[in-house]
Amino acid sequence: MIQRIQTLYLLVVGLLTGIAPFFLNLWVDVDGTAVYAKNEVFLSIAFYVSAVMAIAAILMYKKRQNQFVMNRLNIILNLFLLGFFVYRSLNLSGENTISEKGIGMLIPVFSIVFLVLANRAIKKDEDLVKSVDRLR
């Protein structure tokens, strides 16, 4: 389980989406207050669901197809998060006063990259198992 590279990728996603949004600000309001994921209920639930899905995918190491599907669902969830952040950043940029976008808005991008890498590794494992079964 731990010796497979996709486990490390999924662990990075779990830590990235489970811990980082609560310490990295997502954006700064006009008032100058930093907004974290814990301030927004929808965002905190979405980040926690993404982290739980990544950890659940690690535990599905015997069922590679289910692991692959779980990662795809996690990618879709992170795409929704990314779309929300893009929408929010476009609203922030139209203000009269300058407000800042935080580094936390990039967390879904990094999560998607690591989930795609994990899916590639799962696909390689599945192809290897299928090639060994052909020889029997």
Protein backbone atom coordinates (compact mmCIF):
# COMPACT_ATOMS: atom_id res chain seq x y z
CA MET A 1 0.00 0.00 0.00
CA ILE A 2 2.51 2.67 1.08
CA GLN A 3 5.16 1.54 -1.39
CA ARG A 4 3.00 2.61 -4.33
CA ILE A 5 3.57 6.12 -5.64
CA GLN A 6 -0.14 6.88 -5.95
CA THR A 7 -0.44 6.50 -2.18
CA LEU A 8 2.04 9.33 -1.74
CA TYR A 9 0.21 11.49 -4.27
CA LEU A 10 -3.10 10.87 -2.51
CA LEU A 11 -1.53 11.57 0.87
CA VAL A 12 -0.29 14.93 -0.45
CA VAL A 13 -3.82 15.71 -1.68
CA GLY A 14 -5.28 14.71 1.68
CA LEU A 15 -2.88 16.94 3.58
CA LEU A 16 -3.16 19.77 1.08
CA THR A 17 -6.96 19.91 1.12
CA GLY A 18 -7.40 18.90 4.75
CA ILE A 19 -4.95 21.26 6.43
CA ALA A 20 -3.63 23.98 4.10
CA PRO A 21 -6.87 25.93 3.40
CA PHE A 22 -7.28 26.61 7.09
CA PHE A 23 -3.85 28.24 7.38
CA LEU A 24 -3.46 29.89 3.95
CA ASN A 25 -5.79 32.78 3.24
CA LEU A 26 -8.08 32.46 0.25
CA TRP A 27 -8.61 36.17 -0.28
CA VAL A 28 -8.54 39.46 1.56
CA ASP A 29 -11.77 41.45 1.81
CA VAL A 30 -12.11 45.17 1.21
CA ASP A 31 -11.97 45.66 4.98
CA GLY A 32 -8.50 44.10 5.03
CA THR A 33 -9.61 40.92 6.79
CA ALA A 34 -8.18 37.67 5.49
CA VAL A 35 -10.77 35.04 4.60
CA TYR A 36 -9.86 31.45 5.37
CA ALA A 37 -11.79 28.27 4.58
CA LYS A 38 -13.02 28.09 8.16
CA ASN A 39 -14.88 31.38 7.63
CA GLU A 40 -16.92 29.96 4.74
CA VAL A 41 -19.03 26.89 5.54
CA PHE A 42 -19.36 25.70 1.94
CA LEU A 43 -15.63 25.90 1.34
CA SER A 44 -14.68 24.13 4.55
CA ILE A 45 -17.12 21.28 3.81
CA ALA A 46 -15.83 20.96 0.24
CA PHE A 47 -12.20 20.88 1.37
CA TYR A 48 -12.96 18.31 4.08
CA VAL A 49 -14.88 16.12 1.61
CA SER A 50 -11.95 16.28 -0.79
CA ALA A 51 -9.52 15.26 1.96
CA VAL A 52 -11.75 12.39 3.10
CA MET A 53 -12.11 11.18 -0.49
CA ALA A 54 -8.32 11.17 -0.92
CA ILE A 55 -7.79 9.21 2.30
CA ALA A 56 -10.61 6.80 1.36
CA ALA A 57 -8.95 6.26 -2.02
CA ILE A 58 -5.72 5.33 -0.22
CA LEU A 59 -7.60 2.70 1.74
CA MET A 60 -9.08 1.25 -1.48
CA TYR A 61 -5.68 0.02 -2.63
CA LYS A 62 -6.98 -3.50 -3.35
CA LYS A 63 -9.75 -2.21 -5.62
CA ARG A 64 -7.89 -0.14 -8.19
CA GLN A 65 -10.94 0.58 -10.36
CA ASN A 66 -12.86 2.01 -7.39
CA GLN A 67 -9.79 4.01 -6.43
CA PHE A 68 -9.63 5.41 -9.96
CA VAL A 69 -13.33 6.41 -9.87
CA MET A 70 -12.96 7.98 -6.42
CA ASN A 71 -10.07 10.09 -7.73
CA ARG A 72 -12.13 11.23 -10.70
CA LEU A 73 -14.94 12.31 -8.39
CA ASN A 74 -12.38 14.17 -6.30
CA ILE A 75 -11.09 15.89 -9.45
CA ILE A 76 -14.65 17.00 -10.28
CA LEU A 77 -15.09 18.37 -6.74
CA ASN A 78 -11.81 20.28 -7.02
CA LEU A 79 -12.90 21.65 -10.41
CA PHE A 80 -16.05 23.00 -8.75
CA LEU A 81 -13.90 24.59 -6.06
CA LEU A 82 -11.64 26.07 -8.71
CA GLY A 83 -14.66 27.43 -10.59
CA PHE A 84 -15.93 29.05 -7.39
CA PHE A 85 -12.55 30.64 -6.79
CA VAL A 86 -12.38 31.94 -10.35
CA TYR A 87 -15.87 33.40 -9.97
CA ARG A 88 -14.94 34.93 -6.64
CA SER A 89 -11.68 36.38 -7.97
CA LEU A 90 -13.48 37.95 -10.93
CA ASN A 91 -15.88 39.59 -8.48
CA LEU A 92 -12.95 40.80 -6.38
CA SER A 93 -11.17 42.37 -9.31
CA GLY A 94 -14.20 44.49 -10.25
CA GLU A 95 -14.25 46.41 -6.99
CA ASN A 96 -13.40 50.07 -6.66
CA THR A 97 -10.82 49.44 -3.95
CA ILE A 98 -8.00 46.97 -4.30
CA SER A 99 -8.38 43.64 -2.55
CA GLU A 100 -5.96 40.75 -2.68
CA LYS A 101 -6.34 37.19 -3.81
CA GLY A 102 -4.69 34.69 -1.49
CA ILE A 103 -2.42 31.76 -2.21
CA GLY A 104 -5.11 29.42 -0.91
CA MET A 105 -7.00 29.80 -4.18
CA LEU A 106 -4.36 27.62 -5.85
CA ILE A 107 -4.97 24.61 -3.60
CA PRO A 108 -7.53 23.01 -5.99
CA VAL A 109 -5.07 23.38 -8.88
CA PHE A 110 -2.34 21.51 -7.00
CA SER A 111 -4.86 18.92 -5.84
CA ILE A 112 -6.00 18.27 -9.40
CA VAL A 113 -2.41 17.84 -10.57
CA PHE A 114 -1.64 15.30 -7.84
CA LEU A 115 -4.91 13.45 -8.45
CA VAL A 116 -4.13 13.15 -12.16
CA LEU A 117 -0.66 11.82 -11.30
CA ALA A 118 -2.24 9.30 -8.92
CA ASN A 119 -4.68 8.18 -11.62
CA ARG A 120 -1.81 7.67 -14.05
CA ALA A 121 0.00 5.48 -11.52
CA ILE A 122 -3.18 3.50 -10.83
CA LYS A 123 -3.64 2.98 -14.58
CA LYS A 124 -0.05 1.71 -14.85
CA ASP A 125 -0.67 -0.75 -12.01
CA GLU A 126 -3.88 -1.96 -13.62
CA ASP A 127 -2.15 -2.45 -16.98
CA LEU A 128 0.66 -4.37 -15.28
CA VAL A 129 -1.79 -6.70 -13.54
CA LYS A 130 -3.68 -7.28 -16.80
CA SER A 131 -0.46 -8.10 -18.66
CA VAL A 132 0.54 -10.63 -15.99
CA ASP A 133 -2.91 -12.25 -16.14
CA ARG A 134 -2.52 -12.73 -19.90
CA LEU A 135 0.60 -14.83 -19.38
CA ARG A 136 -1.19 -17.36 -17.18
